Amino acid sequence: MSSTAVTLSQPSQKARSEWRLIWRQFRKHKLAVISAVLLIVLALVAIFADQIIPYDPNAIDAAYARGRPQPPTAEHLFGTDNYGRDYFSRAIIGLRVSLFVAVSAVVFQILVGVVIGAVAGYFGGWVDNALMRFTDIFLSIPSFFLLLIVSGIFGGTIFTLILLIGLLSWMTVARLLRAEILSLKERDFVLAAQCIGVSGRRLVMQHLLPNALAPIIVSATLAVPYAILTESSLSFLGRGVPPPHSSLGKMMEDAQQWLRTAWWMWVVPGSIISAIVLTFNFVGDGLRDAFDPRLRR
């Protein structure tokens, strides 16, 4: 019994040293570290948006705007739109809304993907086959067009966007986790746990999933940019966050008729979207390299 306990304790000790190696490798990726710091700053700005914004983002000042967007000034750092709404305030709130929708959708898709991938990988056989064919059906769906149709039917509320983006984006996570668990099932510590009667639920939750975190984390960081772009595209097409609420995509939609005369209306939200997407991609690249054992020393 004692030898079995030692065998089961080895994965946790190995996992701790493995995370130290991952952190050491991640720090070598300077662009990923800088991007991670920038993401933390953006997240803090989004969290404390109410304390940062100088004006009500939905307050209309028609007398100031006179029906046309006003350029940046000391009073309005990012200018205003044609309704006189402060664009700096709308950009900060838009950042919060877009990040909230994207991160919530990714969390939801990770939960769905983890459940399906873990069940398929652990049980195998006909259960694995049925769940993977179910996954293939979702992969064959043109997700963006379905998003347009469903959001048009049910309306573009924030909850609807999170639900739809999450439900149509979990397939990659499920496939990655299934493959990882199929590999882990053959390891000695899993066989030892099964020999001493560890239940299937405990085996998955305490032994398999913790050792399969690498593909989940990398997939999540690379999925957030896709969710940001999806939300922005839907809002740009009028199927996203409903007015008068602000999101980065909604701000791009509002800028369509002022592309030549009010550059700040599309430069501000476009720059923020690009910054978020690039930073998440760089962090994802850094994590992918850090989790690759071939690149560690």
C-alpha atoms as a PDB file:
ATOM      1  CA  MET A   1       0.000   0.000   0.000  1.00  0.00           C
ATOM      2  CA  SER A   2       2.827   2.396   0.893  1.00  0.00           C
ATOM      3  CA  SER A   3       4.542   1.871  -2.447  1.00  0.00           C
ATOM      4  CA  THR A   4       1.263   2.656  -4.194  1.00  0.00           C
ATOM      5  CA  ALA A   5       0.895   5.859  -2.162  1.00  0.00           C
ATOM      6  CA  VAL A   6       4.421   6.880  -3.186  1.00  0.00           C
ATOM      7  CA  THR A   7       3.523   6.192  -6.796  1.00  0.00           C
ATOM      8  CA  LEU A   8       0.426   8.387  -6.549  1.00  0.00           C
ATOM      9  CA  SER A   9       2.324  11.215  -4.858  1.00  0.00           C
ATOM     10  CA  GLN A  10       4.935  11.334  -7.599  1.00  0.00           C
ATOM     11  CA  PRO A  11       2.654  13.052 -10.177  1.00  0.00           C
ATOM     12  CA  SER A  12       1.927  15.968  -7.811  1.00  0.00           C
ATOM     13  CA  GLN A  13       5.641  16.505  -7.101  1.00  0.00           C
ATOM     14  CA  LYS A  14       6.433  16.215 -10.764  1.00  0.00           C
ATOM     15  CA  ALA A  15       3.624  18.645 -11.588  1.00  0.00           C
ATOM     16  CA  ARG A  16       5.089  21.309  -9.287  1.00  0.00           C
ATOM     17  CA  SER A  17       8.523  21.073 -10.899  1.00  0.00           C
ATOM     18  CA  GLU A  18       6.850  21.023 -14.305  1.00  0.00           C
ATOM     19  CA  TRP A  19       5.053  24.333 -13.590  1.00  0.00           C
ATOM     20  CA  ARG A  20       8.354  25.903 -12.518  1.00  0.00           C
ATOM     21  CA  LEU A  21       9.912  24.862 -15.813  1.00  0.00           C
ATOM     22  CA  ILE A  22       6.907  26.237 -17.695  1.00  0.00           C
ATOM     23  CA  TRP A  23       7.162  29.607 -15.919  1.00  0.00           C
ATOM     24  CA  ARG A  24      10.911  29.748 -16.591  1.00  0.00           C
ATOM     25  CA  GLN A  25      10.349  29.040 -20.288  1.00  0.00           C
ATOM     26  CA  PHE A  26       7.497  31.555 -20.509  1.00  0.00           C
ATOM     27  CA  ARG A  27       9.697  34.320 -19.072  1.00  0.00           C
ATOM     28  CA  LYS A  28      12.127  33.815 -21.962  1.00  0.00           C
ATOM     29  CA  HIS A  29       9.392  34.899 -24.375  1.00  0.00           C
ATOM     30  CA  LYS A  30       9.768  38.658 -23.825  1.00  0.00           C
ATOM     31  CA  LEU A  31       6.919  39.618 -26.132  1.00  0.00           C
ATOM     32  CA  ALA A  32       4.568  37.253 -24.304  1.00  0.00           C
ATOM     33  CA  VAL A  33       5.562  38.717 -20.923  1.00  0.00           C
ATOM     34  CA  ILE A  34       4.997  42.281 -22.156  1.00  0.00           C
ATOM     35  CA  SER A  35       1.656  41.217 -23.625  1.00  0.00           C
ATOM     36  CA  ALA A  36       0.647  39.582 -20.336  1.00  0.00           C
ATOM     37  CA  VAL A  37       1.400  42.827 -18.471  1.00  0.00           C
ATOM     38  CA  LEU A  38      -0.623  44.805 -21.032  1.00  0.00           C
ATOM     39  CA  LEU A  39      -3.529  42.378 -20.644  1.00  0.00           C
ATOM     40  CA  ILE A  40      -3.464  42.861 -16.892  1.00  0.00           C
ATOM     41  CA  VAL A  41      -3.578  46.634 -17.411  1.00  0.00           C
ATOM     42  CA  LEU A  42      -6.514  46.328 -19.840  1.00  0.00           C
ATOM     43  CA  ALA A  43      -8.330  44.033 -17.428  1.00  0.00           C
ATOM     44  CA  LEU A  44      -7.860  46.511 -14.570  1.00  0.00           C
ATOM     45  CA  VAL A  45      -9.102  49.352 -16.782  1.00  0.00           C
ATOM     46  CA  ALA A  46     -12.188  47.302 -17.634  1.00  0.00           C
ATOM     47  CA  ILE A  47     -12.826  46.372 -13.996  1.00  0.00           C
ATOM     48  CA  PHE A  48     -12.489  49.948 -12.718  1.00  0.00           C
ATOM     49  CA  ALA A  49     -14.116  51.551 -15.747  1.00  0.00           C
ATOM     50  CA  ASP A  50     -16.750  53.344 -13.672  1.00  0.00           C
ATOM     51  CA  GLN A  51     -14.034  55.091 -11.671  1.00  0.00           C
ATOM     52  CA  ILE A  52     -11.979  56.003 -14.763  1.00  0.00           C
ATOM     53  CA  ILE A  53     -14.514  57.416 -17.208  1.00  0.00           C
ATOM     54  CA  PRO A  54     -14.979  61.210 -16.962  1.00  0.00           C
ATOM     55  CA  TYR A  55     -18.497  61.277 -18.481  1.00  0.00           C
ATOM     56  CA  ASP A  56     -21.589  59.157 -18.749  1.00  0.00           C
ATOM     57  CA  PRO A  57     -20.893  57.130 -21.935  1.00  0.00           C
ATOM     58  CA  ASN A  58     -24.561  57.362 -22.994  1.00  0.00           C
ATOM     59  CA  ALA A  59     -25.055  61.069 -22.184  1.00  0.00           C
ATOM     60  CA  ILE A  60     -26.051  62.986 -25.328  1.00  0.00           C
ATOM     61  CA  ASP A  61     -24.857  66.572 -25.816  1.00  0.00           C
ATOM     62  CA  ALA A  62     -26.498  67.586 -29.098  1.00  0.00           C
ATOM     63  CA  ALA A  63     -25.619  71.260 -28.623  1.00  0.00           C
ATOM     64  CA  TYR A  64     -21.902  70.437 -28.421  1.00  0.00           C
ATOM     65  CA  ALA A  65     -21.871  67.986 -31.329  1.00  0.00           C
ATOM     66  CA  ARG A  66     -24.249  69.892 -33.625  1.00  0.00           C
ATOM     67  CA  GLY A  67     -24.977  66.661 -35.481  1.00  0.00           C
ATOM     68  CA  ARG A  68     -21.325  65.957 -36.334  1.00  0.00           C
ATOM     69  CA  PRO A  69     -18.536  64.126 -34.486  1.00  0.00           C
ATOM     70  CA  GLN A  70     -16.142  66.500 -32.759  1.00  0.00           C
ATOM     71  CA  PRO A  71     -12.359  65.916 -32.855  1.00  0.00           C
ATOM     72  CA  PRO A  72     -10.223  65.183 -29.774  1.00  0.00           C
ATOM     73  CA  THR A  73      -9.718  68.084 -27.387  1.00  0.00           C
ATOM     74  CA  ALA A  74      -8.468  68.572 -23.838  1.00  0.00           C
ATOM     75  CA  GLU A  75     -12.071  68.178 -22.674  1.00  0.00           C
ATOM     76  CA  HIS A  76     -12.768  65.052 -24.766  1.00  0.00           C
ATOM     77  CA  LEU A  77      -9.486  63.135 -25.208  1.00  0.00           C
ATOM     78  CA  PHE A  78     -10.846  60.811 -27.922  1.00  0.00           C
ATOM     79  CA  GLY A  79     -13.345  63.305 -29.316  1.00  0.00           C
ATOM     80  CA  THR A  80     -17.083  62.698 -29.464  1.00  0.00           C
ATOM     81  CA  ASP A  81     -19.531  60.990 -31.792  1.00  0.00           C
ATOM     82  CA  ASN A  82     -22.277  62.786 -33.702  1.00  0.00           C
ATOM     83  CA  TYR A  83     -24.509  62.717 -30.618  1.00  0.00           C
ATOM     84  CA  GLY A  84     -21.912  64.440 -28.469  1.00  0.00           C
ATOM     85  CA  ARG A  85     -21.145  61.335 -26.416  1.00  0.00           C
ATOM     86  CA  ASP A  86     -17.610  61.267 -25.016  1.00  0.00           C
ATOM     87  CA  TYR A  87     -15.635  58.718 -27.023  1.00  0.00           C
ATOM     88  CA  PHE A  88     -13.050  58.061 -24.310  1.00  0.00           C
ATOM     89  CA  SER A  89     -15.798  57.028 -21.900  1.00  0.00           C
ATOM     90  CA  ARG A  90     -17.497  54.890 -24.546  1.00  0.00           C
ATOM     91  CA  ALA A  91     -14.184  53.226 -25.435  1.00  0.00           C
ATOM     92  CA  ILE A  92     -13.503  52.275 -21.796  1.00  0.00           C
ATOM     93  CA  ILE A  93     -17.006  50.868 -21.324  1.00  0.00           C
ATOM     94  CA  GLY A  94     -16.799  49.203 -24.739  1.00  0.00           C
ATOM     95  CA  LEU A  95     -13.557  47.538 -23.666  1.00  0.00           C
ATOM     96  CA  ARG A  96     -15.265  46.192 -20.539  1.00  0.00           C
ATOM     97  CA  VAL A  97     -18.303  44.895 -22.435  1.00  0.00           C
ATOM     98  CA  SER A  98     -16.246  43.252 -25.189  1.00  0.00           C
ATOM     99  CA  LEU A  99     -13.824  41.640 -22.738  1.00  0.00           C
ATOM    100  CA  PHE A 100     -16.675  40.426 -20.541  1.00  0.00           C
ATOM    101  CA  VAL A 101     -18.511  38.863 -23.490  1.00  0.00           C
ATOM    102  CA  ALA A 102     -15.348  37.250 -24.899  1.00  0.00           C
ATOM    103  CA  VAL A 103     -13.978  35.884 -21.614  1.00  0.00           C
ATOM    104  CA  SER A 104     -17.406  34.643 -20.463  1.00  0.00           C
ATOM    105  CA  ALA A 105     -17.976  32.924 -23.812  1.00  0.00           C
ATOM    106  CA  VAL A 106     -14.544  31.258 -23.621  1.00  0.00           C
ATOM    107  CA  VAL A 107     -15.172  30.094 -20.043  1.00  0.00           C
ATOM    108  CA  PHE A 108     -18.476  28.615 -21.188  1.00  0.00           C
ATOM    109  CA  GLN A 109     -16.930  26.895 -24.191  1.00  0.00           C
ATOM    110  CA  ILE A 110     -14.096  25.521 -22.033  1.00  0.00           C
ATOM    111  CA  LEU A 111     -16.625  24.044 -19.588  1.00  0.00           C
ATOM    112  CA  VAL A 112     -18.587  22.386 -22.407  1.00  0.00           C
ATOM    113  CA  GLY A 113     -15.425  21.179 -24.147  1.00  0.00           C
ATOM    114  CA  VAL A 114     -13.906  19.807 -20.933  1.00  0.00           C
ATOM    115  CA  VAL A 115     -17.036  17.835 -20.045  1.00  0.00           C
ATOM    116  CA  ILE A 116     -17.413  16.292 -23.498  1.00  0.00           C
ATOM    117  CA  GLY A 117     -13.676  15.700 -23.993  1.00  0.00           C
ATOM    118  CA  ALA A 118     -13.198  14.177 -20.541  1.00  0.00           C
ATOM    119  CA  VAL A 119     -16.183  11.834 -20.860  1.00  0.00           C
ATOM    120  CA  ALA A 120     -15.157  10.757 -24.368  1.00  0.00           C
ATOM    121  CA  GLY A 121     -11.526  10.181 -23.421  1.00  0.00           C
ATOM    122  CA  TYR A 122     -12.198   8.380 -20.134  1.00  0.00           C
ATOM    123  CA  PHE A 123     -14.950   5.991 -21.232  1.00  0.00           C
ATOM    124  CA  GLY A 124     -13.823   5.429 -24.816  1.00  0.00           C
ATOM    125  CA  GLY A 125     -15.666   2.862 -26.941  1.00  0.00           C
ATOM    126  CA  TRP A 126     -19.130   3.737 -28.204  1.00  0.00           C
ATOM    127  CA  VAL A 127     -19.358   6.730 -25.857  1.00  0.00           C
ATOM    128  CA  ASP A 128     -16.206   8.212 -27.388  1.00  0.00           C
ATOM    129  CA  ASN A 129     -17.431   7.448 -30.900  1.00  0.00           C
ATOM    130  CA  ALA A 130     -20.873   9.015 -30.321  1.00  0.00           C
ATOM    131  CA  LEU A 131     -19.477  12.180 -28.718  1.00  0.00           C
ATOM    132  CA  MET A 132     -16.850  12.656 -31.427  1.00  0.00           C
ATOM    133  CA  ARG A 133     -19.473  12.299 -34.166  1.00  0.00           C
ATOM    134  CA  PHE A 134     -21.561  14.851 -32.271  1.00  0.00           C
ATOM    135  CA  THR A 135     -18.484  17.102 -32.264  1.00  0.00           C
ATOM    136  CA  ASP A 136     -18.020  16.585 -36.000  1.00  0.00           C
ATOM    137  CA  ILE A 137     -21.585  17.764 -36.603  1.00  0.00           C
ATOM    138  CA  PHE A 138     -20.857  21.041 -34.788  1.00  0.00           C
ATOM    139  CA  LEU A 139     -17.574  21.436 -36.674  1.00  0.00           C
ATOM    140  CA  SER A 140     -19.459  21.205 -39.968  1.00  0.00           C
ATOM    141  CA  ILE A 141     -21.789  24.087 -39.042  1.00  0.00           C
ATOM    142  CA  PRO A 142     -20.918  27.507 -40.533  1.00  0.00           C
ATOM    143  CA  SER A 143     -20.876  29.068 -37.082  1.00  0.00           C
ATOM    144  CA  PHE A 144     -20.735  32.757 -37.974  1.00  0.00           C
ATOM    145  CA  PHE A 145     -23.736  32.593 -40.281  1.00  0.00           C
ATOM    146  CA  LEU A 146     -25.646  30.628 -37.668  1.00  0.00           C
ATOM    147  CA  LEU A 147     -24.703  33.288 -35.115  1.00  0.00           C
ATOM    148  CA  LEU A 148     -26.154  35.956 -37.410  1.00  0.00           C
ATOM    149  CA  ILE A 149     -29.404  34.036 -37.854  1.00  0.00           C
ATOM    150  CA  VAL A 150     -29.923  33.070 -34.213  1.00  0.00           C
ATOM    151  CA  SER A 151     -28.965  36.503 -32.856  1.00  0.00           C
ATOM    152  CA  GLY A 152     -31.401  38.038 -35.329  1.00  0.00           C
ATOM    153  CA  ILE A 153     -34.182  35.765 -34.039  1.00  0.00           C
ATOM    154  CA  PHE A 154     -33.525  36.075 -30.306  1.00  0.00           C
ATOM    155  CA  GLY A 155     -32.001  39.544 -30.255  1.00  0.00           C
ATOM    156  CA  GLY A 156     -28.441  40.637 -29.585  1.00  0.00           C
ATOM    157  CA  THR A 157     -28.380  40.673 -25.797  1.00  0.00           C
ATOM    158  CA  ILE A 158     -25.118  40.149 -23.951  1.00  0.00           C
ATOM    159  CA  PHE A 159     -26.349  36.830 -22.532  1.00  0.00           C
ATOM    160  CA  THR A 160     -27.332  35.637 -26.010  1.00  0.00           C
ATOM    161  CA  LEU A 161     -23.908  36.516 -27.423  1.00  0.00           C
ATOM    162  CA  ILE A 162     -22.095  34.656 -24.644  1.00  0.00           C
ATOM    163  CA  LEU A 163     -24.309  31.597 -25.025  1.00  0.00           C
ATOM    164  CA  LEU A 164     -24.079  31.456 -28.815  1.00  0.00           C
ATOM    165  CA  ILE A 165     -20.327  32.045 -29.085  1.00  0.00           C
ATOM    166  CA  GLY A 166     -19.667  29.465 -26.369  1.00  0.00           C
ATOM    167  CA  LEU A 167     -21.983  26.833 -27.825  1.00  0.00           C
ATOM    168  CA  LEU A 168     -20.395  27.082 -31.268  1.00  0.00           C
ATOM    169  CA  SER A 169     -16.734  27.135 -30.178  1.00  0.00           C
ATOM    170  CA  TRP A 170     -16.131  24.220 -27.763  1.00  0.00           C
ATOM    171  CA  MET A 171     -15.141  21.561 -30.312  1.00  0.00           C
ATOM    172  CA  THR A 172     -11.383  22.197 -30.394  1.00  0.00           C
ATOM    173  CA  VAL A 173     -11.144  22.005 -26.599  1.00  0.00           C
ATOM    174  CA  ALA A 174     -13.089  18.733 -26.558  1.00  0.00           C
ATOM    175  CA  ARG A 175     -10.832  17.125 -29.157  1.00  0.00           C
ATOM    176  CA  LEU A 176      -7.613  18.306 -27.490  1.00  0.00           C
ATOM    177  CA  LEU A 177      -8.696  17.130 -24.039  1.00  0.00           C
ATOM    178  CA  ARG A 178      -9.930  13.768 -25.352  1.00  0.00           C
ATOM    179  CA  ALA A 179      -6.556  13.084 -26.968  1.00  0.00           C
ATOM    180  CA  GLU A 180      -4.704  14.112 -23.810  1.00  0.00           C
ATOM    181  CA  ILE A 181      -6.824  11.892 -21.550  1.00  0.00           C
ATOM    182  CA  LEU A 182      -6.487   8.923 -23.894  1.00  0.00           C
ATOM    183  CA  SER A 183      -2.720   9.309 -23.516  1.00  0.00           C
ATOM    184  CA  LEU A 184      -2.816   9.835 -19.731  1.00  0.00           C
ATOM    185  CA  LYS A 185      -4.995   6.753 -19.185  1.00  0.00           C
ATOM    186  CA  GLU A 186      -2.025   4.547 -20.034  1.00  0.00           C
ATOM    187  CA  ARG A 187       0.302   6.153 -17.453  1.00  0.00           C
ATOM    188  CA  ASP A 188       1.413   4.220 -14.377  1.00  0.00           C
ATOM    189  CA  PHE A 189      -0.109   6.603 -11.824  1.00  0.00           C
ATOM    190  CA  VAL A 190      -3.560   6.202 -13.409  1.00  0.00           C
ATOM    191  CA  LEU A 191      -3.266   2.417 -13.425  1.00  0.00           C
ATOM    192  CA  ALA A 192      -2.142   2.522  -9.792  1.00  0.00           C
ATOM    193  CA  ALA A 193      -5.135   4.681  -8.838  1.00  0.00           C
ATOM    194  CA  GLN A 194      -7.486   2.240 -10.547  1.00  0.00           C
ATOM    195  CA  CYS A 195      -5.883  -0.693  -8.718  1.00  0.00           C
ATOM    196  CA  ILE A 196      -6.602   0.796  -5.281  1.00  0.00           C
ATOM    197  CA  GLY A 197     -10.232   1.481  -6.227  1.00  0.00           C
ATOM    198  CA  VAL A 198     -10.230   5.228  -6.925  1.00  0.00           C
ATOM    199  CA  SER A 199     -13.630   6.150  -8.375  1.00  0.00           C
ATOM    200  CA  GLY A 200     -13.906   7.275 -11.971  1.00  0.00           C
ATOM    201  CA  ARG A 201     -15.085  10.771 -10.995  1.00  0.00           C
ATOM    202  CA  ARG A 202     -12.188  11.264  -8.567  1.00  0.00           C
ATOM    203  CA  LEU A 203      -9.713   9.839 -11.062  1.00  0.00           C
ATOM    204  CA  VAL A 204     -10.807  12.340 -13.723  1.00  0.00           C
ATOM    205  CA  MET A 205     -11.056  15.360 -11.415  1.00  0.00           C
ATOM    206  CA  GLN A 206      -7.906  14.816  -9.302  1.00  0.00           C
ATOM    207  CA  HIS A 207      -5.540  12.983 -11.626  1.00  0.00           C
ATOM    208  CA  LEU A 208      -6.455  13.279 -15.301  1.00  0.00           C
ATOM    209  CA  LEU A 209      -7.708  16.879 -15.617  1.00  0.00           C
ATOM    210  CA  PRO A 210      -4.889  18.498 -13.582  1.00  0.00           C
ATOM    211  CA  ASN A 211      -2.350  16.751 -15.816  1.00  0.00           C
ATOM    212  CA  ALA A 212      -4.219  17.815 -18.964  1.00  0.00           C
ATOM    213  CA  LEU A 213      -4.328  21.546 -18.192  1.00  0.00           C
ATOM    214  CA  ALA A 214      -1.714  22.526 -20.768  1.00  0.00           C
ATOM    215  CA  PRO A 215      -3.875  22.235 -23.920  1.00  0.00           C
ATOM    216  CA  ILE A 216      -6.851  23.769 -22.096  1.00  0.00           C
ATOM    217  CA  ILE A 217      -4.890  26.867 -21.029  1.00  0.00           C
ATOM    218  CA  VAL A 218      -3.319  27.388 -24.444  1.00  0.00           C
ATOM    219  CA  SER A 219      -6.661  26.850 -26.178  1.00  0.00           C
ATOM    220  CA  ALA A 220      -8.368  29.365 -23.875  1.00  0.00           C
ATOM    221  CA  THR A 221      -5.819  32.113 -24.509  1.00  0.00           C
ATOM    222  CA  LEU A 222      -6.071  31.620 -28.264  1.00  0.00           C
ATOM    223  CA  ALA A 223      -9.881  31.419 -28.150  1.00  0.00           C
ATOM    224  CA  VAL A 224     -10.376  34.856 -26.556  1.00  0.00           C
ATOM    225  CA  PRO A 225      -9.192  36.780 -29.673  1.00  0.00           C
ATOM    226  CA  TYR A 226     -11.630  34.774 -31.793  1.00  0.00           C
ATOM    227  CA  ALA A 227     -14.455  35.587 -29.375  1.00  0.00           C
ATOM    228  CA  ILE A 228     -13.487  39.295 -29.381  1.00  0.00           C
ATOM    229  CA  LEU A 229     -13.501  39.405 -33.180  1.00  0.00           C
ATOM    230  CA  THR A 230     -16.782  37.471 -33.346  1.00  0.00           C
ATOM    231  CA  GLU A 231     -18.513  39.844 -30.925  1.00  0.00           C
ATOM    232  CA  SER A 232     -17.085  42.851 -32.761  1.00  0.00           C
ATOM    233  CA  SER A 233     -18.193  41.493 -36.133  1.00  0.00           C
ATOM    234  CA  LEU A 234     -21.720  40.787 -34.891  1.00  0.00           C
ATOM    235  CA  SER A 235     -21.978  44.248 -33.315  1.00  0.00           C
ATOM    236  CA  PHE A 236     -20.610  45.822 -36.508  1.00  0.00           C
ATOM    237  CA  LEU A 237     -23.396  44.098 -38.451  1.00  0.00           C
ATOM    238  CA  GLY A 238     -26.034  45.232 -35.944  1.00  0.00           C
ATOM    239  CA  ARG A 239     -26.475  41.805 -34.319  1.00  0.00           C
ATOM    240  CA  GLY A 240     -24.411  42.405 -31.202  1.00  0.00           C
ATOM    241  CA  VAL A 241     -24.775  44.505 -28.078  1.00  0.00           C
ATOM    242  CA  PRO A 242     -28.000  46.533 -28.364  1.00  0.00           C
ATOM    243  CA  PRO A 243     -27.924  50.357 -28.249  1.00  0.00           C
ATOM    244  CA  PRO A 244     -27.348  52.612 -26.420  1.00  0.00           C
ATOM    245  CA  HIS A 245     -24.820  50.321 -24.713  1.00  0.00           C
ATOM    246  CA  SER A 246     -21.281  50.490 -26.013  1.00  0.00           C
ATOM    247  CA  SER A 247     -19.006  47.736 -27.232  1.00  0.00           C
ATOM    248  CA  LEU A 248     -15.946  47.976 -29.458  1.00  0.00           C
ATOM    249  CA  GLY A 249     -17.824  46.426 -32.368  1.00  0.00           C
ATOM    250  CA  LYS A 250     -20.798  48.744 -31.843  1.00  0.00           C
ATOM    251  CA  MET A 251     -18.429  51.728 -31.947  1.00  0.00           C
ATOM    252  CA  MET A 252     -17.071  50.484 -35.272  1.00  0.00           C
ATOM    253  CA  GLU A 253     -20.631  50.242 -36.571  1.00  0.00           C
ATOM    254  CA  ASP A 254     -21.322  53.826 -35.470  1.00  0.00           C
ATOM    255  CA  ALA A 255     -18.203  54.993 -37.332  1.00  0.00           C
ATOM    256  CA  GLN A 256     -19.265  53.642 -40.731  1.00  0.00           C
ATOM    257  CA  GLN A 257     -20.840  56.853 -42.011  1.00  0.00           C
ATOM    258  CA  TRP A 258     -17.955  58.996 -40.708  1.00  0.00           C
ATOM    259  CA  LEU A 259     -14.954  57.046 -42.020  1.00  0.00           C
ATOM    260  CA  ARG A 260     -13.485  59.967 -43.980  1.00  0.00           C
ATOM    261  CA  THR A 261     -14.475  62.887 -41.792  1.00  0.00           C
ATOM    262  CA  ALA A 262     -14.059  61.494 -38.248  1.00  0.00           C
ATOM    263  CA  TRP A 263     -11.005  59.223 -38.188  1.00  0.00           C
ATOM    264  CA  TRP A 264     -11.034  58.894 -34.376  1.00  0.00           C
ATOM    265  CA  MET A 265     -14.382  57.090 -34.457  1.00  0.00           C
ATOM    266  CA  TRP A 266     -12.852  54.023 -36.090  1.00  0.00           C
ATOM    267  CA  VAL A 267      -9.198  54.389 -35.076  1.00  0.00           C
ATOM    268  CA  VAL A 268      -9.963  54.256 -31.320  1.00  0.00           C
ATOM    269  CA  PRO A 269     -12.067  51.048 -31.187  1.00  0.00           C
ATOM    270  CA  GLY A 270     -10.071  49.447 -34.000  1.00  0.00           C
ATOM    271  CA  SER A 271      -6.792  50.043 -32.166  1.00  0.00           C
ATOM    272  CA  ILE A 272      -8.169  48.602 -28.929  1.00  0.00           C
ATOM    273  CA  ILE A 273      -9.491  45.495 -30.708  1.00  0.00           C
ATOM    274  CA  SER A 274      -6.127  45.005 -32.444  1.00  0.00           C
ATOM    275  CA  ALA A 275      -4.249  45.445 -29.158  1.00  0.00           C
ATOM    276  CA  ILE A 276      -6.412  42.872 -27.368  1.00  0.00           C
ATOM    277  CA  VAL A 277      -6.164  40.324 -30.178  1.00  0.00           C
ATOM    278  CA  LEU A 278      -2.398  40.732 -30.570  1.00  0.00           C
ATOM    279  CA  THR A 279      -1.664  40.529 -26.849  1.00  0.00           C
ATOM    280  CA  PHE A 280      -3.762  37.400 -26.378  1.00  0.00           C
ATOM    281  CA  ASN A 281      -2.110  35.807 -29.411  1.00  0.00           C
ATOM    282  CA  PHE A 282       1.382  36.617 -28.113  1.00  0.00           C
ATOM    283  CA  VAL A 283       0.519  35.255 -24.658  1.00  0.00           C
ATOM    284  CA  GLY A 284      -0.897  32.133 -26.313  1.00  0.00           C
ATOM    285  CA  ASP A 285       2.286  31.704 -28.365  1.00  0.00           C
ATOM    286  CA  GLY A 286       4.380  32.080 -25.226  1.00  0.00           C
ATOM    287  CA  LEU A 287       2.314  29.518 -23.336  1.00  0.00           C
ATOM    288  CA  ARG A 288       2.400  27.109 -26.253  1.00  0.00           C
ATOM    289  CA  ASP A 289       6.203  27.324 -26.341  1.00  0.00           C
ATOM    290  CA  ALA A 290       6.417  27.040 -22.549  1.00  0.00           C
ATOM    291  CA  PHE A 291       4.318  23.886 -22.491  1.00  0.00           C
ATOM    292  CA  ASP A 292       6.377  22.289 -25.301  1.00  0.00           C
ATOM    293  CA  PRO A 293       8.903  19.990 -23.583  1.00  0.00           C
ATOM    294  CA  ARG A 294      11.158  20.070 -26.648  1.00  0.00           C
ATOM    295  CA  LEU A 295      11.927  23.766 -26.042  1.00  0.00           C
ATOM    296  CA  ARG A 296      12.798  23.454 -22.347  1.00  0.00           C
ATOM    297  CA  ARG A 297      16.304  23.112 -20.946  1.00  0.00           C
END
